[in-house]
Amino acid sequence: MAALQVVDRELRDMSLLARLSETLQTQTQRLRNRPFLEASMAASALVATADGVVTFSERSALDAVLTNIDALKVFDVHLAVNTFNDFVEAIEADSASGQAKAMDAIGRLRDDPESAALMIRIGCAVSRADGDFSAAEKACIRAMAAELDVEAPELDM
């Protein structure tokens, strides 16, 4: 009987260690991916506001991005949406200052070309969501690519 109690206690301890390890891994991913979250929400806000109107379809595309991109799944969706809304509000309050703030967040991915390219694709997805990939949105995508020193994707498809 005592041997069973020892085994049971060891299993509980292993389970606790596994949960602790999983929690630490998630927290580490959040810390590592935080610049990507902020840059992706900044890019989404820039393209969504580029034509003057943030549409429901652009917000829906953002929701799809948040549920489908692994690097963003570790974050609470509310945190991501609030970050997006903060960038949108900053751009709407003072266009030049808000855009500079967003470009600063985007620029933090300059040394990570893979994340930078994914962030650009996220911006493209959000900007195309309403079916109107405007010249202002295309210019915004090109400006982000230039900021990151990556090649802009083909935008006239």
C-alpha atoms as a PDB file:
ATOM      1  CA  MET A   1       0.000   0.000   0.000  1.00  0.00           C
ATOM      2  CA  ALA A   2       2.810   2.424   0.887  1.00  0.00           C
ATOM      3  CA  ALA A   3       4.495   1.660  -2.434  1.00  0.00           C
ATOM      4  CA  LEU A   4       1.297   2.655  -4.275  1.00  0.00           C
ATOM      5  CA  GLN A   5       1.164   5.937  -2.377  1.00  0.00           C
ATOM      6  CA  VAL A   6       4.782   6.691  -3.320  1.00  0.00           C
ATOM      7  CA  VAL A   7       4.069   5.916  -7.002  1.00  0.00           C
ATOM      8  CA  ASP A   8       0.906   8.029  -6.885  1.00  0.00           C
ATOM      9  CA  ARG A   9       2.810  10.952  -5.362  1.00  0.00           C
ATOM     10  CA  GLU A  10       5.587  10.611  -7.968  1.00  0.00           C
ATOM     11  CA  LEU A  11       2.994  10.638 -10.775  1.00  0.00           C
ATOM     12  CA  ARG A  12       1.374  13.786  -9.338  1.00  0.00           C
ATOM     13  CA  ASP A  13       4.803  15.420  -9.067  1.00  0.00           C
ATOM     14  CA  MET A  14       5.575  14.490 -12.694  1.00  0.00           C
ATOM     15  CA  SER A  15       2.207  15.876 -13.774  1.00  0.00           C
ATOM     16  CA  LEU A  16       2.880  19.089 -11.881  1.00  0.00           C
ATOM     17  CA  LEU A  17       6.314  19.351 -13.518  1.00  0.00           C
ATOM     18  CA  ALA A  18       4.793  18.738 -16.955  1.00  0.00           C
ATOM     19  CA  ARG A  19       2.195  21.487 -16.403  1.00  0.00           C
ATOM     20  CA  LEU A  20       4.856  23.845 -15.077  1.00  0.00           C
ATOM     21  CA  SER A  21       7.074  23.103 -18.075  1.00  0.00           C
ATOM     22  CA  GLU A  22       4.171  23.723 -20.474  1.00  0.00           C
ATOM     23  CA  THR A  23       3.335  27.007 -18.750  1.00  0.00           C
ATOM     24  CA  LEU A  24       6.955  28.138 -18.944  1.00  0.00           C
ATOM     25  CA  GLN A  25       7.136  27.207 -22.630  1.00  0.00           C
ATOM     26  CA  THR A  26       3.983  29.201 -23.377  1.00  0.00           C
ATOM     27  CA  GLN A  27       5.280  32.219 -21.456  1.00  0.00           C
ATOM     28  CA  THR A  28       8.607  31.995 -23.293  1.00  0.00           C
ATOM     29  CA  GLN A  29       6.794  31.852 -26.639  1.00  0.00           C
ATOM     30  CA  ARG A  30       4.741  34.901 -25.674  1.00  0.00           C
ATOM     31  CA  LEU A  31       7.871  36.859 -24.781  1.00  0.00           C
ATOM     32  CA  ARG A  32       9.656  35.789 -27.932  1.00  0.00           C
ATOM     33  CA  ASN A  33       6.637  36.450 -30.155  1.00  0.00           C
ATOM     34  CA  ARG A  34       5.539  39.756 -28.583  1.00  0.00           C
ATOM     35  CA  PRO A  35       7.359  41.904 -31.191  1.00  0.00           C
ATOM     36  CA  PHE A  36       5.694  39.825 -33.919  1.00  0.00           C
ATOM     37  CA  LEU A  37       2.266  40.334 -32.335  1.00  0.00           C
ATOM     38  CA  GLU A  38       2.778  44.082 -32.075  1.00  0.00           C
ATOM     39  CA  ALA A  39       4.175  44.368 -35.613  1.00  0.00           C
ATOM     40  CA  SER A  40       1.356  42.276 -37.062  1.00  0.00           C
ATOM     41  CA  MET A  41      -1.298  44.349 -35.317  1.00  0.00           C
ATOM     42  CA  ALA A  42       0.472  47.562 -36.392  1.00  0.00           C
ATOM     43  CA  ALA A  43       0.606  46.368 -40.003  1.00  0.00           C
ATOM     44  CA  SER A  44      -3.042  45.359 -39.894  1.00  0.00           C
ATOM     45  CA  ALA A  45      -4.010  48.735 -38.460  1.00  0.00           C
ATOM     46  CA  LEU A  46      -1.982  50.601 -41.084  1.00  0.00           C
ATOM     47  CA  VAL A  47      -3.593  48.814 -44.024  1.00  0.00           C
ATOM     48  CA  ALA A  48      -7.058  48.859 -42.458  1.00  0.00           C
ATOM     49  CA  THR A  49      -6.907  52.625 -41.985  1.00  0.00           C
ATOM     50  CA  ALA A  50      -5.121  53.360 -45.275  1.00  0.00           C
ATOM     51  CA  ASP A  51      -8.341  53.913 -47.213  1.00  0.00           C
ATOM     52  CA  GLY A  52     -10.004  55.797 -44.367  1.00  0.00           C
ATOM     53  CA  VAL A  53     -12.415  53.102 -43.190  1.00  0.00           C
ATOM     54  CA  VAL A  54     -11.767  50.028 -41.037  1.00  0.00           C
ATOM     55  CA  THR A  55     -14.335  47.569 -42.376  1.00  0.00           C
ATOM     56  CA  PHE A  56     -16.012  44.620 -40.698  1.00  0.00           C
ATOM     57  CA  SER A  57     -14.415  42.292 -43.255  1.00  0.00           C
ATOM     58  CA  GLU A  58     -10.955  43.615 -42.352  1.00  0.00           C
ATOM     59  CA  ARG A  59     -11.670  42.945 -38.684  1.00  0.00           C
ATOM     60  CA  SER A  60     -12.941  39.463 -39.580  1.00  0.00           C
ATOM     61  CA  ALA A  61      -9.748  38.794 -41.529  1.00  0.00           C
ATOM     62  CA  LEU A  62      -7.787  39.854 -38.460  1.00  0.00           C
ATOM     63  CA  ASP A  63      -9.747  37.329 -36.375  1.00  0.00           C
ATOM     64  CA  ALA A  64      -8.891  34.610 -38.912  1.00  0.00           C
ATOM     65  CA  VAL A  65      -5.218  35.569 -38.744  1.00  0.00           C
ATOM     66  CA  LEU A  66      -5.242  35.342 -34.961  1.00  0.00           C
ATOM     67  CA  THR A  67      -6.719  31.849 -35.003  1.00  0.00           C
ATOM     68  CA  ASN A  68      -4.558  30.483 -37.835  1.00  0.00           C
ATOM     69  CA  ILE A  69      -1.034  31.840 -37.313  1.00  0.00           C
ATOM     70  CA  ASP A  70       0.833  29.666 -34.816  1.00  0.00           C
ATOM     71  CA  ALA A  71       3.051  32.506 -33.579  1.00  0.00           C
ATOM     72  CA  LEU A  72      -0.086  34.439 -32.597  1.00  0.00           C
ATOM     73  CA  LYS A  73      -2.070  31.572 -31.062  1.00  0.00           C
ATOM     74  CA  VAL A  74      -0.139  31.837 -27.784  1.00  0.00           C
ATOM     75  CA  PHE A  75      -1.721  35.240 -27.133  1.00  0.00           C
ATOM     76  CA  ASP A  76      -5.146  35.965 -25.755  1.00  0.00           C
ATOM     77  CA  VAL A  77      -7.222  37.145 -28.706  1.00  0.00           C
ATOM     78  CA  HIS A  78      -8.433  40.114 -26.656  1.00  0.00           C
ATOM     79  CA  LEU A  79      -4.865  41.320 -26.137  1.00  0.00           C
ATOM     80  CA  ALA A  80      -4.236  41.125 -29.879  1.00  0.00           C
ATOM     81  CA  VAL A  81      -7.473  42.920 -30.788  1.00  0.00           C
ATOM     82  CA  ASN A  82      -6.819  45.590 -28.166  1.00  0.00           C
ATOM     83  CA  THR A  83      -3.326  46.098 -29.593  1.00  0.00           C
ATOM     84  CA  PHE A  84      -4.828  46.463 -33.081  1.00  0.00           C
ATOM     85  CA  ASN A  85      -7.447  48.901 -31.765  1.00  0.00           C
ATOM     86  CA  ASP A  86      -4.755  50.944 -29.982  1.00  0.00           C
ATOM     87  CA  PHE A  87      -2.860  51.345 -33.261  1.00  0.00           C
ATOM     88  CA  VAL A  88      -6.058  52.216 -35.148  1.00  0.00           C
ATOM     89  CA  GLU A  89      -7.002  54.830 -32.542  1.00  0.00           C
ATOM     90  CA  ALA A  90      -3.492  56.343 -32.603  1.00  0.00           C
ATOM     91  CA  ILE A  91      -3.607  56.610 -36.412  1.00  0.00           C
ATOM     92  CA  GLU A  92      -7.094  58.098 -36.370  1.00  0.00           C
ATOM     93  CA  ALA A  93      -6.196  60.610 -33.631  1.00  0.00           C
ATOM     94  CA  ASP A  94      -3.005  61.850 -35.302  1.00  0.00           C
ATOM     95  CA  SER A  95      -2.217  60.211 -38.625  1.00  0.00           C
ATOM     96  CA  ALA A  96       1.488  61.059 -38.804  1.00  0.00           C
ATOM     97  CA  SER A  97       2.245  60.210 -35.180  1.00  0.00           C
ATOM     98  CA  GLY A  98       0.100  57.046 -35.224  1.00  0.00           C
ATOM     99  CA  GLN A  99       1.672  55.819 -38.447  1.00  0.00           C
ATOM    100  CA  ALA A 100       5.155  56.492 -37.053  1.00  0.00           C
ATOM    101  CA  LYS A 101       4.286  54.490 -33.934  1.00  0.00           C
ATOM    102  CA  ALA A 102       3.034  51.610 -36.098  1.00  0.00           C
ATOM    103  CA  MET A 103       6.122  51.707 -38.343  1.00  0.00           C
ATOM    104  CA  ASP A 104       8.323  51.651 -35.249  1.00  0.00           C
ATOM    105  CA  ALA A 105       6.644  48.416 -34.125  1.00  0.00           C
ATOM    106  CA  ILE A 106       7.001  46.986 -37.633  1.00  0.00           C
ATOM    107  CA  GLY A 107      10.679  47.967 -37.761  1.00  0.00           C
ATOM    108  CA  ARG A 108      11.419  45.708 -34.792  1.00  0.00           C
ATOM    109  CA  LEU A 109      11.166  42.741 -37.177  1.00  0.00           C
ATOM    110  CA  ARG A 110      13.968  44.045 -39.413  1.00  0.00           C
ATOM    111  CA  ASP A 111      16.424  41.405 -38.137  1.00  0.00           C
ATOM    112  CA  ASP A 112      13.946  38.543 -38.594  1.00  0.00           C
ATOM    113  CA  PRO A 113      13.230  38.235 -42.340  1.00  0.00           C
ATOM    114  CA  GLU A 114      10.948  35.209 -41.920  1.00  0.00           C
ATOM    115  CA  SER A 115       8.696  36.993 -39.409  1.00  0.00           C
ATOM    116  CA  ALA A 116       8.876  40.178 -41.489  1.00  0.00           C
ATOM    117  CA  ALA A 117       7.663  38.335 -44.598  1.00  0.00           C
ATOM    118  CA  LEU A 118       4.823  36.703 -42.651  1.00  0.00           C
ATOM    119  CA  MET A 119       3.808  40.068 -41.200  1.00  0.00           C
ATOM    120  CA  ILE A 120       3.691  41.539 -44.726  1.00  0.00           C
ATOM    121  CA  ARG A 121       1.445  38.635 -45.844  1.00  0.00           C
ATOM    122  CA  ILE A 122      -0.829  39.308 -42.858  1.00  0.00           C
ATOM    123  CA  GLY A 123      -1.071  42.946 -43.931  1.00  0.00           C
ATOM    124  CA  CYS A 124      -1.945  41.831 -47.461  1.00  0.00           C
ATOM    125  CA  ALA A 125      -4.646  39.465 -46.180  1.00  0.00           C
ATOM    126  CA  VAL A 126      -6.261  42.165 -44.064  1.00  0.00           C
ATOM    127  CA  SER A 127      -6.100  44.741 -46.853  1.00  0.00           C
ATOM    128  CA  ARG A 128      -7.703  42.396 -49.393  1.00  0.00           C
ATOM    129  CA  ALA A 129     -10.458  41.293 -47.017  1.00  0.00           C
ATOM    130  CA  ASP A 130     -12.990  43.892 -48.103  1.00  0.00           C
ATOM    131  CA  GLY A 131     -12.486  43.085 -51.779  1.00  0.00           C
ATOM    132  CA  ASP A 132     -10.989  46.516 -52.456  1.00  0.00           C
ATOM    133  CA  PHE A 133      -7.192  46.385 -52.458  1.00  0.00           C
ATOM    134  CA  SER A 134      -6.822  50.137 -52.846  1.00  0.00           C
ATOM    135  CA  ALA A 135      -3.810  52.075 -54.076  1.00  0.00           C
ATOM    136  CA  ALA A 136      -3.386  53.476 -50.541  1.00  0.00           C
ATOM    137  CA  GLU A 137      -3.279  49.959 -49.079  1.00  0.00           C
ATOM    138  CA  LYS A 138      -0.757  48.835 -51.719  1.00  0.00           C
ATOM    139  CA  ALA A 139       1.412  51.863 -50.937  1.00  0.00           C
ATOM    140  CA  CYS A 140       1.201  50.955 -47.258  1.00  0.00           C
ATOM    141  CA  ILE A 141       2.366  47.375 -47.974  1.00  0.00           C
ATOM    142  CA  ARG A 142       5.265  48.697 -50.067  1.00  0.00           C
ATOM    143  CA  ALA A 143       6.253  51.140 -47.296  1.00  0.00           C
ATOM    144  CA  MET A 144       6.270  48.333 -44.722  1.00  0.00           C
ATOM    145  CA  ALA A 145       8.414  46.146 -46.991  1.00  0.00           C
ATOM    146  CA  ALA A 146      10.835  49.035 -47.515  1.00  0.00           C
ATOM    147  CA  GLU A 147      10.975  49.660 -43.750  1.00  0.00           C
ATOM    148  CA  LEU A 148      11.941  46.014 -43.240  1.00  0.00           C
ATOM    149  CA  ASP A 149      14.254  45.879 -46.235  1.00  0.00           C
ATOM    150  CA  VAL A 150      12.341  42.930 -47.705  1.00  0.00           C
ATOM    151  CA  GLU A 151      10.910  42.545 -51.167  1.00  0.00           C
ATOM    152  CA  ALA A 152       7.287  43.609 -51.452  1.00  0.00           C
ATOM    153  CA  PRO A 153       4.989  40.874 -52.718  1.00  0.00           C
ATOM    154  CA  GLU A 154       3.258  41.129 -56.095  1.00  0.00           C
ATOM    155  CA  LEU A 155       0.309  43.397 -55.317  1.00  0.00           C
ATOM    156  CA  ASP A 156      -1.521  43.524 -58.630  1.00  0.00           C
ATOM    157  CA  MET A 157      -2.846  39.971 -58.549  1.00  0.00           C
END
